[in-house]
N, C-alpha and C. Protein backbone atom coordinates (compact mmCIF):
# COMPACT_ATOMS: atom_id res chain seq x y z
N MET A 1 58.45 2.82 96.19
CA MET A 1 59.10 4.10 95.90
C MET A 1 58.96 4.45 94.41
N MET A 2 58.83 5.74 94.13
CA MET A 2 58.73 6.19 92.75
C MET A 2 60.12 6.15 92.11
N ARG A 3 60.20 5.50 90.97
CA ARG A 3 61.46 5.43 90.25
C ARG A 3 61.58 6.65 89.34
N ILE A 4 62.71 7.33 89.41
CA ILE A 4 62.93 8.54 88.62
C ILE A 4 63.86 8.22 87.46
N ASN A 5 63.39 8.48 86.26
CA ASN A 5 64.22 8.32 85.07
C ASN A 5 65.02 9.60 84.88
N LEU A 6 66.33 9.52 85.17
CA LEU A 6 67.15 10.72 85.14
C LEU A 6 67.25 11.30 83.74
N GLY A 7 67.24 10.42 82.72
CA GLY A 7 67.29 10.91 81.35
C GLY A 7 66.07 11.74 81.02
N ASP A 8 64.90 11.26 81.38
CA ASP A 8 63.67 12.03 81.13
C ASP A 8 63.67 13.33 81.92
N ARG A 9 64.16 13.28 83.18
CA ARG A 9 64.19 14.48 84.00
C ARG A 9 65.13 15.53 83.39
N LEU A 10 66.28 15.11 82.92
CA LEU A 10 67.22 16.05 82.32
C LEU A 10 66.64 16.65 81.03
N ARG A 11 65.98 15.82 80.23
CA ARG A 11 65.36 16.34 79.01
C ARG A 11 64.29 17.37 79.35
N SER A 12 63.52 17.10 80.40
CA SER A 12 62.47 18.04 80.81
C SER A 12 63.07 19.36 81.26
N LEU A 13 64.17 19.29 82.02
CA LEU A 13 64.82 20.51 82.49
C LEU A 13 65.38 21.32 81.31
N LYS A 14 65.98 20.62 80.34
CA LYS A 14 66.50 21.31 79.16
C LYS A 14 65.37 21.98 78.38
N LEU A 15 64.24 21.29 78.29
CA LEU A 15 63.10 21.83 77.57
C LEU A 15 62.57 23.08 78.25
N VAL A 16 62.45 23.03 79.58
CA VAL A 16 61.98 24.21 80.33
C VAL A 16 62.95 25.37 80.15
N ALA A 17 64.25 25.09 80.22
CA ALA A 17 65.25 26.15 80.07
C ALA A 17 65.20 26.75 78.68
N GLY A 18 65.05 25.89 77.67
CA GLY A 18 64.96 26.39 76.30
C GLY A 18 63.73 27.23 76.09
N LEU A 19 62.60 26.79 76.62
CA LEU A 19 61.36 27.55 76.48
C LEU A 19 61.46 28.88 77.21
N ALA A 20 62.10 28.89 78.38
CA ALA A 20 62.28 30.15 79.12
C ALA A 20 63.11 31.14 78.32
N ALA A 21 64.16 30.65 77.65
CA ALA A 21 64.99 31.53 76.82
C ALA A 21 64.17 32.09 75.66
N PHE A 22 63.31 31.26 75.09
CA PHE A 22 62.47 31.73 73.98
C PHE A 22 61.50 32.81 74.45
N LEU A 23 60.88 32.62 75.61
CA LEU A 23 59.92 33.60 76.11
C LEU A 23 60.58 34.94 76.41
N GLN A 24 61.85 34.90 76.81
CA GLN A 24 62.57 36.14 77.10
C GLN A 24 62.99 36.85 75.82
N HIS A 25 63.35 36.06 74.78
CA HIS A 25 63.85 36.64 73.54
C HIS A 25 63.21 35.93 72.34
N PRO A 26 61.91 36.11 72.14
CA PRO A 26 61.22 35.37 71.08
C PRO A 26 61.65 35.75 69.67
N ASP A 27 62.29 36.91 69.51
CA ASP A 27 62.68 37.37 68.18
C ASP A 27 64.10 36.94 67.79
N GLN A 28 64.79 36.24 68.69
CA GLN A 28 66.17 35.86 68.41
C GLN A 28 66.26 34.40 67.98
N LEU A 29 67.02 34.15 66.90
CA LEU A 29 67.17 32.79 66.40
C LEU A 29 67.77 31.87 67.45
N ASP A 30 68.71 32.39 68.25
CA ASP A 30 69.36 31.54 69.24
C ASP A 30 68.36 30.96 70.23
N SER A 31 67.33 31.73 70.56
CA SER A 31 66.34 31.23 71.52
C SER A 31 65.50 30.12 70.91
N VAL A 32 65.22 30.23 69.62
CA VAL A 32 64.48 29.16 68.92
C VAL A 32 65.35 27.91 68.85
N PHE A 33 66.63 28.09 68.53
CA PHE A 33 67.54 26.95 68.45
C PHE A 33 67.70 26.28 69.82
N ALA A 34 67.59 27.06 70.90
CA ALA A 34 67.69 26.49 72.24
C ALA A 34 66.53 25.55 72.51
N VAL A 35 65.32 25.95 72.10
CA VAL A 35 64.17 25.06 72.26
C VAL A 35 64.35 23.82 71.40
N ALA A 36 64.80 24.01 70.16
CA ALA A 36 65.01 22.87 69.26
C ALA A 36 66.04 21.90 69.84
N GLY A 37 67.13 22.44 70.40
CA GLY A 37 68.15 21.58 70.98
C GLY A 37 67.65 20.78 72.15
N SER A 38 66.73 21.35 72.92
CA SER A 38 66.20 20.64 74.08
C SER A 38 65.33 19.46 73.69
N LEU A 39 64.87 19.44 72.45
CA LEU A 39 63.99 18.36 71.99
C LEU A 39 64.75 17.22 71.31
N GLN A 40 66.02 17.45 70.99
CA GLN A 40 66.80 16.43 70.29
C GLN A 40 66.93 15.17 71.15
N GLY A 41 66.67 14.04 70.51
CA GLY A 41 66.78 12.76 71.19
C GLY A 41 65.58 12.40 72.05
N SER A 42 64.57 13.24 72.06
CA SER A 42 63.38 12.98 72.88
C SER A 42 62.41 12.05 72.15
N PRO A 43 61.50 11.41 72.89
CA PRO A 43 60.47 10.59 72.23
C PRO A 43 59.63 11.39 71.25
N LEU A 44 59.42 12.68 71.52
CA LEU A 44 58.66 13.51 70.60
C LEU A 44 59.39 13.66 69.27
N ALA A 45 60.70 13.85 69.33
CA ALA A 45 61.48 13.94 68.10
C ALA A 45 61.47 12.63 67.34
N THR A 46 61.46 11.52 68.06
CA THR A 46 61.40 10.20 67.42
C THR A 46 60.07 10.02 66.69
N GLN A 47 58.98 10.51 67.27
CA GLN A 47 57.68 10.43 66.60
C GLN A 47 57.69 11.25 65.31
N MET A 48 58.28 12.44 65.36
CA MET A 48 58.35 13.26 64.15
C MET A 48 59.17 12.55 63.07
N GLU A 49 60.29 11.97 63.46
CA GLU A 49 61.13 11.24 62.51
C GLU A 49 60.35 10.10 61.86
N ARG A 50 59.63 9.35 62.67
CA ARG A 50 58.84 8.23 62.14
C ARG A 50 57.77 8.73 61.17
N HIS A 51 57.13 9.84 61.52
CA HIS A 51 56.09 10.42 60.67
C HIS A 51 56.65 10.83 59.32
N LEU A 52 57.79 11.54 59.32
CA LEU A 52 58.35 12.03 58.07
C LEU A 52 58.96 10.91 57.24
N MET A 53 59.59 9.95 57.89
CA MET A 53 60.22 8.86 57.13
C MET A 53 59.19 7.92 56.52
N ALA A 54 57.94 8.01 56.96
CA ALA A 54 56.88 7.21 56.33
C ALA A 54 56.46 7.80 54.99
N MET A 55 56.91 9.02 54.70
CA MET A 55 56.62 9.65 53.42
C MET A 55 57.66 9.20 52.40
N PRO A 56 57.25 8.60 51.28
CA PRO A 56 58.22 8.12 50.29
C PRO A 56 59.18 9.21 49.81
N ALA A 57 58.67 10.43 49.62
CA ALA A 57 59.53 11.50 49.12
C ALA A 57 60.65 11.84 50.11
N MET A 58 60.32 11.88 51.40
CA MET A 58 61.35 12.16 52.40
C MET A 58 62.31 10.99 52.54
N ALA A 59 61.78 9.78 52.53
CA ALA A 59 62.65 8.60 52.61
C ALA A 59 63.63 8.56 51.44
N ASP A 60 63.18 8.99 50.25
CA ASP A 60 64.07 9.03 49.09
C ASP A 60 65.17 10.07 49.28
N LEU A 61 64.82 11.24 49.82
CA LEU A 61 65.84 12.26 50.06
C LEU A 61 66.91 11.75 51.02
N VAL A 62 66.47 11.09 52.09
CA VAL A 62 67.40 10.57 53.08
C VAL A 62 68.28 9.49 52.47
N GLU A 63 67.67 8.61 51.68
CA GLU A 63 68.45 7.52 51.06
C GLU A 63 69.49 8.08 50.10
N GLN A 64 69.12 9.12 49.35
CA GLN A 64 70.06 9.74 48.42
C GLN A 64 71.10 10.59 49.16
N ASN A 65 70.78 10.94 50.41
CA ASN A 65 71.57 11.91 51.17
C ASN A 65 71.73 13.20 50.36
N TRP A 66 70.63 13.60 49.73
CA TRP A 66 70.64 14.80 48.91
C TRP A 66 70.82 16.03 49.78
N ARG A 67 71.75 16.87 49.39
CA ARG A 67 71.98 18.11 50.12
C ARG A 67 71.89 19.28 49.14
N PRO A 68 71.28 20.37 49.53
CA PRO A 68 71.15 21.52 48.63
C PRO A 68 72.49 22.20 48.41
N PRO A 69 72.68 22.79 47.25
CA PRO A 69 73.92 23.53 47.01
C PRO A 69 73.99 24.77 47.89
N ALA A 70 75.20 25.27 48.07
CA ALA A 70 75.38 26.49 48.86
C ALA A 70 74.58 27.64 48.25
N ILE A 71 74.03 28.48 49.11
CA ILE A 71 73.17 29.57 48.66
C ILE A 71 73.99 30.84 48.46
N ASN A 72 73.82 31.45 47.29
CA ASN A 72 74.47 32.72 46.96
C ASN A 72 73.37 33.77 46.80
N LEU A 73 73.21 34.61 47.81
CA LEU A 73 72.12 35.59 47.77
C LEU A 73 72.27 36.57 46.62
N ASP A 74 73.50 36.94 46.28
CA ASP A 74 73.70 37.87 45.16
C ASP A 74 73.15 37.26 43.87
N ALA A 75 73.43 35.98 43.65
CA ALA A 75 72.94 35.31 42.44
C ALA A 75 71.42 35.17 42.47
N LEU A 76 70.87 34.83 43.63
CA LEU A 76 69.42 34.67 43.72
C LEU A 76 68.70 35.99 43.46
N GLU A 77 69.29 37.09 43.89
CA GLU A 77 68.64 38.39 43.68
C GLU A 77 68.57 38.77 42.21
N GLN A 78 69.39 38.14 41.38
CA GLN A 78 69.39 38.43 39.95
C GLN A 78 68.35 37.62 39.19
N LEU A 79 67.68 36.69 39.88
CA LEU A 79 66.66 35.88 39.22
C LEU A 79 65.43 36.74 38.91
N PRO A 80 64.54 36.24 38.05
CA PRO A 80 63.36 37.04 37.67
C PRO A 80 62.52 37.46 38.87
N GLU A 81 61.92 38.62 38.76
CA GLU A 81 61.03 39.14 39.80
C GLU A 81 59.90 38.13 40.04
N GLY A 82 59.65 37.84 41.31
CA GLY A 82 58.57 36.92 41.66
C GLY A 82 58.98 35.47 41.68
N SER A 83 60.24 35.17 41.38
CA SER A 83 60.71 33.79 41.47
C SER A 83 60.96 33.44 42.93
N LEU A 84 60.96 32.15 43.24
CA LEU A 84 61.18 31.71 44.61
C LEU A 84 62.50 32.23 45.14
N GLY A 85 63.57 32.09 44.36
CA GLY A 85 64.89 32.51 44.82
C GLY A 85 64.99 34.01 45.03
N GLN A 86 64.39 34.79 44.12
CA GLN A 86 64.47 36.25 44.23
C GLN A 86 63.72 36.74 45.47
N VAL A 87 62.53 36.19 45.72
CA VAL A 87 61.76 36.60 46.89
C VAL A 87 62.44 36.15 48.17
N TYR A 88 63.00 34.94 48.16
CA TYR A 88 63.72 34.41 49.33
C TYR A 88 64.92 35.29 49.66
N ALA A 89 65.72 35.64 48.66
CA ALA A 89 66.91 36.47 48.89
C ALA A 89 66.51 37.84 49.42
N ARG A 90 65.46 38.41 48.86
CA ARG A 90 65.00 39.73 49.31
C ARG A 90 64.56 39.68 50.77
N GLN A 91 63.90 38.58 51.16
CA GLN A 91 63.44 38.46 52.54
C GLN A 91 64.61 38.34 53.50
N LEU A 92 65.61 37.52 53.15
CA LEU A 92 66.76 37.38 54.04
C LEU A 92 67.53 38.70 54.17
N ARG A 93 67.67 39.43 53.07
CA ARG A 93 68.34 40.73 53.13
C ARG A 93 67.57 41.67 54.06
N HIS A 94 66.27 41.66 53.94
CA HIS A 94 65.44 42.54 54.76
C HIS A 94 65.59 42.22 56.24
N LEU A 95 65.73 40.92 56.56
CA LEU A 95 65.85 40.50 57.95
C LEU A 95 67.28 40.58 58.48
N GLY A 96 68.21 40.87 57.60
CA GLY A 96 69.60 40.93 58.01
C GLY A 96 70.20 39.56 58.28
N LEU A 97 69.67 38.55 57.60
CA LEU A 97 70.15 37.18 57.80
C LEU A 97 71.04 36.75 56.65
N THR A 98 71.92 35.82 56.94
CA THR A 98 72.75 35.21 55.90
C THR A 98 72.42 33.72 55.85
N PRO A 99 72.61 33.08 54.70
CA PRO A 99 72.34 31.65 54.62
C PRO A 99 73.11 30.82 55.65
N ASP A 100 74.33 31.27 55.99
CA ASP A 100 75.13 30.53 56.95
C ASP A 100 74.45 30.45 58.32
N SER A 101 73.70 31.48 58.69
CA SER A 101 73.05 31.48 59.98
C SER A 101 71.88 30.50 60.05
N LEU A 102 71.45 29.99 58.88
CA LEU A 102 70.29 29.10 58.83
C LEU A 102 70.68 27.65 58.57
N VAL A 103 71.96 27.40 58.39
CA VAL A 103 72.43 26.06 58.08
C VAL A 103 73.14 25.46 59.28
N ASP A 104 72.75 24.25 59.64
CA ASP A 104 73.39 23.53 60.73
C ASP A 104 74.74 23.00 60.25
N PRO A 105 75.85 23.41 60.87
CA PRO A 105 77.17 22.98 60.39
C PRO A 105 77.54 21.55 60.77
N SER A 106 76.78 20.92 61.66
CA SER A 106 77.13 19.56 62.08
C SER A 106 76.90 18.56 60.95
N PRO A 107 77.64 17.44 60.95
CA PRO A 107 77.51 16.46 59.86
C PRO A 107 76.18 15.73 59.89
N VAL A 108 75.80 15.21 58.74
CA VAL A 108 74.58 14.41 58.61
C VAL A 108 74.98 12.94 58.58
N SER A 109 74.62 12.20 59.61
CA SER A 109 75.04 10.80 59.69
C SER A 109 73.88 9.84 59.99
N SER A 110 72.66 10.36 60.02
CA SER A 110 71.51 9.51 60.32
C SER A 110 70.25 10.19 59.79
N PRO A 111 69.15 9.43 59.63
CA PRO A 111 67.89 10.08 59.22
C PRO A 111 67.49 11.20 60.17
N ARG A 112 67.73 11.03 61.46
CA ARG A 112 67.37 12.09 62.42
C ARG A 112 68.17 13.35 62.15
N ASP A 113 69.48 13.21 61.89
CA ASP A 113 70.30 14.36 61.55
C ASP A 113 69.78 15.04 60.29
N TYR A 114 69.43 14.23 59.31
CA TYR A 114 68.97 14.77 58.04
C TYR A 114 67.72 15.62 58.24
N ILE A 115 66.78 15.09 58.99
CA ILE A 115 65.52 15.81 59.23
C ILE A 115 65.78 17.11 59.99
N THR A 116 66.67 17.07 60.99
CA THR A 116 67.01 18.28 61.73
C THR A 116 67.56 19.35 60.80
N HIS A 117 68.48 18.96 59.93
CA HIS A 117 69.05 19.90 58.98
C HIS A 117 67.99 20.42 58.02
N ARG A 118 67.16 19.52 57.52
CA ARG A 118 66.18 19.90 56.49
C ARG A 118 65.17 20.91 57.04
N LEU A 119 64.71 20.70 58.24
CA LEU A 119 63.74 21.62 58.83
C LEU A 119 64.36 23.00 59.04
N ARG A 120 65.61 23.02 59.46
CA ARG A 120 66.25 24.31 59.74
C ARG A 120 66.56 25.06 58.46
N GLU A 121 67.08 24.38 57.45
CA GLU A 121 67.51 25.08 56.25
C GLU A 121 66.34 25.51 55.36
N THR A 122 65.17 24.91 55.56
CA THR A 122 64.02 25.28 54.73
C THR A 122 63.08 26.25 55.44
N HIS A 123 63.39 26.64 56.68
CA HIS A 123 62.45 27.45 57.46
C HIS A 123 62.01 28.71 56.70
N ASP A 124 62.97 29.47 56.20
CA ASP A 124 62.62 30.71 55.54
C ASP A 124 62.09 30.48 54.13
N ILE A 125 62.43 29.36 53.51
CA ILE A 125 61.82 29.02 52.22
C ILE A 125 60.34 28.75 52.42
N VAL A 126 60.01 28.05 53.49
CA VAL A 126 58.60 27.76 53.78
C VAL A 126 57.86 29.05 54.11
N HIS A 127 58.52 29.98 54.79
CA HIS A 127 57.93 31.30 55.03
C HIS A 127 57.47 31.92 53.71
N VAL A 128 58.38 31.89 52.72
CA VAL A 128 58.09 32.51 51.43
C VAL A 128 56.96 31.77 50.71
N LEU A 129 57.02 30.45 50.70
CA LEU A 129 56.02 29.67 49.98
C LEU A 129 54.63 29.81 50.58
N THR A 130 54.55 29.85 51.90
CA THR A 130 53.25 29.93 52.55
C THR A 130 52.72 31.36 52.62
N GLY A 131 53.63 32.33 52.53
CA GLY A 131 53.21 33.72 52.61
C GLY A 131 53.07 34.24 54.03
N PHE A 132 53.42 33.43 55.02
CA PHE A 132 53.35 33.90 56.40
C PHE A 132 54.49 34.88 56.67
N GLY A 133 54.16 36.00 57.32
CA GLY A 133 55.16 36.99 57.63
C GLY A 133 56.03 36.58 58.81
N VAL A 134 56.91 37.48 59.20
CA VAL A 134 57.84 37.19 60.30
C VAL A 134 57.43 37.93 61.56
N ASP A 135 56.21 38.48 61.58
CA ASP A 135 55.69 39.08 62.80
C ASP A 135 55.12 37.97 63.68
N GLY A 136 54.54 38.35 64.83
CA GLY A 136 54.04 37.35 65.77
C GLY A 136 53.00 36.41 65.16
N PRO A 137 51.92 36.93 64.58
CA PRO A 137 50.92 36.05 63.97
C PRO A 137 51.50 35.21 62.83
N GLY A 138 52.38 35.81 62.03
CA GLY A 138 52.97 35.07 60.93
C GLY A 138 53.80 33.89 61.40
N GLU A 139 54.60 34.10 62.44
CA GLU A 139 55.43 33.01 62.95
C GLU A 139 54.57 31.90 63.55
N LEU A 140 53.51 32.27 64.25
CA LEU A 140 52.65 31.24 64.81
C LEU A 140 51.89 30.50 63.72
N GLY A 141 51.48 31.22 62.69
CA GLY A 141 50.82 30.56 61.57
C GLY A 141 51.74 29.56 60.90
N LEU A 142 53.01 29.95 60.75
CA LEU A 142 53.98 29.03 60.14
C LEU A 142 54.19 27.80 61.03
N GLN A 143 54.23 27.99 62.35
CA GLN A 143 54.42 26.85 63.24
C GLN A 143 53.21 25.91 63.20
N ALA A 144 52.02 26.47 63.05
CA ALA A 144 50.83 25.62 62.89
C ALA A 144 50.94 24.81 61.60
N PHE A 145 51.43 25.45 60.55
CA PHE A 145 51.67 24.75 59.28
C PHE A 145 52.68 23.62 59.48
N ASN A 146 53.78 23.91 60.18
CA ASN A 146 54.80 22.90 60.43
C ASN A 146 54.27 21.74 61.26
N LEU A 147 53.44 22.04 62.23
CA LEU A 147 52.86 20.98 63.06
C LEU A 147 51.98 20.07 62.22
N ALA A 148 51.13 20.66 61.37
CA ALA A 148 50.24 19.87 60.53
C ALA A 148 51.03 19.02 59.54
N GLN A 149 52.12 19.57 59.02
CA GLN A 149 52.88 18.86 57.99
C GLN A 149 53.87 17.84 58.57
N ASN A 150 54.57 18.24 59.63
CA ASN A 150 55.74 17.49 60.08
C ASN A 150 55.60 16.83 61.44
N ARG A 151 54.50 17.09 62.13
CA ARG A 151 54.34 16.61 63.51
C ARG A 151 55.50 17.12 64.37
N SER A 152 55.81 18.39 64.22
CA SER A 152 56.99 18.98 64.87
C SER A 152 56.73 19.32 66.33
N PRO A 153 57.48 18.72 67.25
CA PRO A 153 57.33 19.11 68.66
C PRO A 153 57.81 20.53 68.91
N LEU A 154 58.79 20.99 68.12
CA LEU A 154 59.25 22.37 68.24
C LEU A 154 58.11 23.33 67.95
N ALA A 155 57.30 23.01 66.94
CA ALA A 155 56.16 23.86 66.61
C ALA A 155 55.19 23.95 67.79
N VAL A 156 54.97 22.83 68.46
CA VAL A 156 54.07 22.84 69.62
C VAL A 156 54.60 23.79 70.69
N MET A 157 55.89 23.70 70.98
CA MET A 157 56.47 24.53 72.02
C MET A 157 56.45 26.01 71.65
N LEU A 158 56.72 26.33 70.37
CA LEU A 158 56.73 27.72 69.96
C LEU A 158 55.31 28.31 69.92
N ILE A 159 54.34 27.48 69.54
CA ILE A 159 52.95 27.94 69.59
C ILE A 159 52.55 28.22 71.03
N PHE A 160 52.89 27.28 71.93
CA PHE A 160 52.60 27.48 73.35
C PHE A 160 53.27 28.74 73.88
N GLY A 161 54.56 28.90 73.56
CA GLY A 161 55.29 30.06 74.03
C GLY A 161 54.72 31.36 73.48
N GLY A 162 54.35 31.35 72.20
CA GLY A 162 53.79 32.55 71.60
C GLY A 162 52.45 32.93 72.20
N MET A 163 51.59 31.95 72.43
CA MET A 163 50.29 32.23 73.03
C MET A 163 50.44 32.70 74.48
N LEU A 164 51.34 32.03 75.22
CA LEU A 164 51.57 32.43 76.61
C LEU A 164 52.12 33.85 76.68
N GLY A 165 53.04 34.17 75.77
CA GLY A 165 53.60 35.51 75.75
C GLY A 165 52.54 36.57 75.48
N ALA A 166 51.61 36.26 74.56
CA ALA A 166 50.54 37.20 74.25
C ALA A 166 49.64 37.43 75.46
N LEU A 167 49.34 36.35 76.18
CA LEU A 167 48.52 36.49 77.38
C LEU A 167 49.24 37.29 78.45
N GLN A 168 50.53 37.02 78.63
CA GLN A 168 51.30 37.74 79.65
C GLN A 168 51.37 39.23 79.34
N ASN A 169 51.43 39.56 78.05
CA ASN A 169 51.55 40.96 77.64
C ASN A 169 50.20 41.61 77.37
N ASP A 170 49.14 40.87 77.65
CA ASP A 170 47.78 41.38 77.46
C ASP A 170 47.57 41.86 76.02
N GLU A 171 48.06 41.07 75.07
CA GLU A 171 47.90 41.39 73.66
C GLU A 171 46.66 40.69 73.11
N PRO A 172 46.07 41.21 72.04
CA PRO A 172 44.89 40.57 71.46
C PRO A 172 45.23 39.19 70.90
N LEU A 173 44.32 38.25 71.11
CA LEU A 173 44.55 36.88 70.65
C LEU A 173 43.98 36.61 69.26
N GLU A 174 43.06 37.44 68.80
CA GLU A 174 42.38 37.16 67.55
C GLU A 174 43.33 36.99 66.36
N PRO A 175 44.33 37.88 66.18
CA PRO A 175 45.24 37.69 65.04
C PRO A 175 46.03 36.39 65.13
N LEU A 176 46.42 36.00 66.35
CA LEU A 176 47.17 34.78 66.54
C LEU A 176 46.31 33.55 66.23
N LEU A 177 45.09 33.55 66.74
CA LEU A 177 44.20 32.40 66.53
C LEU A 177 43.82 32.26 65.06
N THR A 178 43.61 33.39 64.39
CA THR A 178 43.30 33.35 62.96
C THR A 178 44.46 32.76 62.17
N ALA A 179 45.69 33.20 62.51
CA ALA A 179 46.88 32.68 61.82
C ALA A 179 47.07 31.20 62.11
N LEU A 180 46.82 30.78 63.34
CA LEU A 180 46.95 29.35 63.68
C LEU A 180 45.96 28.52 62.88
N ALA A 181 44.72 28.96 62.80
CA ALA A 181 43.71 28.21 62.06
C ALA A 181 44.09 28.11 60.58
N ARG A 182 44.56 29.21 60.03
CA ARG A 182 44.96 29.21 58.61
C ARG A 182 46.16 28.29 58.38
N GLY A 183 47.13 28.34 59.30
CA GLY A 183 48.31 27.49 59.15
C GLY A 183 47.98 26.02 59.21
N PHE A 184 47.13 25.63 60.17
CA PHE A 184 46.73 24.22 60.26
C PHE A 184 46.05 23.77 58.97
N GLN A 185 45.12 24.58 58.48
CA GLN A 185 44.38 24.21 57.27
C GLN A 185 45.31 24.08 56.07
N MET A 186 46.21 25.04 55.91
CA MET A 186 47.15 24.99 54.79
C MET A 186 48.08 23.79 54.89
N GLY A 187 48.56 23.50 56.10
CA GLY A 187 49.48 22.39 56.28
C GLY A 187 48.86 21.05 55.96
N LEU A 188 47.61 20.88 56.32
CA LEU A 188 46.92 19.62 56.05
C LEU A 188 46.62 19.45 54.57
N ALA A 189 46.38 20.55 53.86
CA ALA A 189 45.98 20.48 52.45
C ALA A 189 47.16 20.36 51.50
N ALA A 190 48.33 20.85 51.90
CA ALA A 190 49.47 20.94 50.98
C ALA A 190 50.34 19.69 51.00
N GLU A 191 51.10 19.54 49.94
CA GLU A 191 52.14 18.51 49.89
C GLU A 191 53.22 18.86 50.91
N CYS A 192 53.91 17.86 51.42
CA CYS A 192 54.96 18.11 52.41
C CYS A 192 56.11 18.89 51.76
N LEU A 193 56.30 20.12 52.19
CA LEU A 193 57.27 20.99 51.54
C LEU A 193 58.71 20.56 51.76
N VAL A 194 59.04 20.13 52.97
CA VAL A 194 60.45 19.83 53.27
C VAL A 194 60.93 18.58 52.56
N ALA A 195 60.01 17.80 52.00
CA ALA A 195 60.38 16.59 51.27
C ALA A 195 60.65 16.87 49.79
N ARG A 196 60.53 18.12 49.38
CA ARG A 196 60.79 18.50 48.00
C ARG A 196 62.16 19.18 47.88
N LYS A 197 62.78 19.04 46.70
CA LYS A 197 64.06 19.69 46.44
C LYS A 197 63.79 21.12 45.99
N LEU A 198 63.36 21.91 46.93
CA LEU A 198 62.94 23.28 46.63
C LEU A 198 64.09 24.11 46.07
N GLU A 199 65.28 23.86 46.57
CA GLU A 199 66.45 24.65 46.17
C GLU A 199 66.89 24.39 44.74
N GLU A 200 66.34 23.36 44.10
CA GLU A 200 66.64 23.12 42.69
C GLU A 200 65.70 23.90 41.78
N GLY A 201 64.77 24.63 42.38
CA GLY A 201 63.82 25.40 41.57
C GLY A 201 63.75 26.85 41.97
N TRP A 202 64.89 27.43 42.31
CA TRP A 202 64.91 28.84 42.70
C TRP A 202 64.34 29.75 41.62
N GLU A 203 64.60 29.40 40.35
CA GLU A 203 64.22 30.28 39.25
C GLU A 203 62.74 30.19 38.89
N ARG A 204 62.04 29.21 39.43
CA ARG A 204 60.63 29.04 39.09
C ARG A 204 59.77 30.10 39.77
N PRO A 205 58.71 30.55 39.10
CA PRO A 205 57.82 31.54 39.73
C PRO A 205 57.23 31.01 41.03
N LEU A 206 57.12 31.89 41.98
CA LEU A 206 56.55 31.52 43.27
C LEU A 206 55.12 31.00 43.10
N SER A 207 54.36 31.62 42.24
CA SER A 207 52.98 31.19 42.00
C SER A 207 52.93 29.77 41.45
N GLN A 208 53.90 29.42 40.62
CA GLN A 208 53.94 28.07 40.06
C GLN A 208 54.24 27.03 41.14
N TRP A 209 55.19 27.35 42.00
CA TRP A 209 55.50 26.46 43.11
C TRP A 209 54.27 26.25 43.99
N ARG A 210 53.60 27.35 44.32
CA ARG A 210 52.45 27.26 45.21
C ARG A 210 51.35 26.39 44.61
N GLN A 211 51.08 26.58 43.34
CA GLN A 211 50.04 25.78 42.69
C GLN A 211 50.41 24.30 42.70
N GLU A 212 51.68 24.00 42.43
CA GLU A 212 52.12 22.60 42.39
C GLU A 212 52.06 21.94 43.76
N LEU A 213 52.34 22.71 44.80
CA LEU A 213 52.40 22.16 46.16
C LEU A 213 51.05 22.15 46.87
N GLY A 214 50.05 22.74 46.25
CA GLY A 214 48.73 22.76 46.89
C GLY A 214 48.57 23.89 47.90
N LEU A 215 49.30 24.99 47.67
CA LEU A 215 49.22 26.16 48.54
C LEU A 215 48.38 27.24 47.87
N PRO A 216 47.80 28.13 48.66
CA PRO A 216 47.07 29.26 48.06
C PRO A 216 47.98 30.07 47.16
N VAL A 217 47.54 30.36 45.96
CA VAL A 217 48.38 31.08 44.99
C VAL A 217 48.47 32.55 45.34
N ASN A 218 47.42 33.12 45.87
CA ASN A 218 47.42 34.55 46.21
C ASN A 218 47.57 34.74 47.72
């Protein structure tokens, strides 16, 4: 008789449900978080944790339990034009987002928790640093970047969902494939962004950050 692992079956069902929610509402943060939640505790998440913790910079962050200070968008908007913080604040205002909506309120009690928080709180910072927009191709390009850098299973699912959605809607694939190729290439070439204390350099020019991290300056 075939032995059924109920834990694996439940994780698979959660993953399917989360992906279905994303396909129905790809522009809503809650649908992305649903996919992310379905991956928590999975072997895929364990692989990502192992990959990131093998990086000395990430291991140091976890050991220090370093946490970024609270974000004040009003203060960031007063920083010099073209600085990381000023561009980040302008983007969040444009999207109608607040820093609170991007921060996981649950406590950090393990390396896995730390990585989950770090990926979520840096998502829009990475958007700014990489230059990927928040449209369909931009989001897929960013997920390709995340996959190359972090071995993120969430990135795999969102790329799959985005491509499937484009096929279902009979949309052109060329912009998506171009963004994916660019994201993979950038992710492989750059330093791991989430392992840096990016929030301690809000005032630094965006071009300076990009050059230091190995990202395209223009």
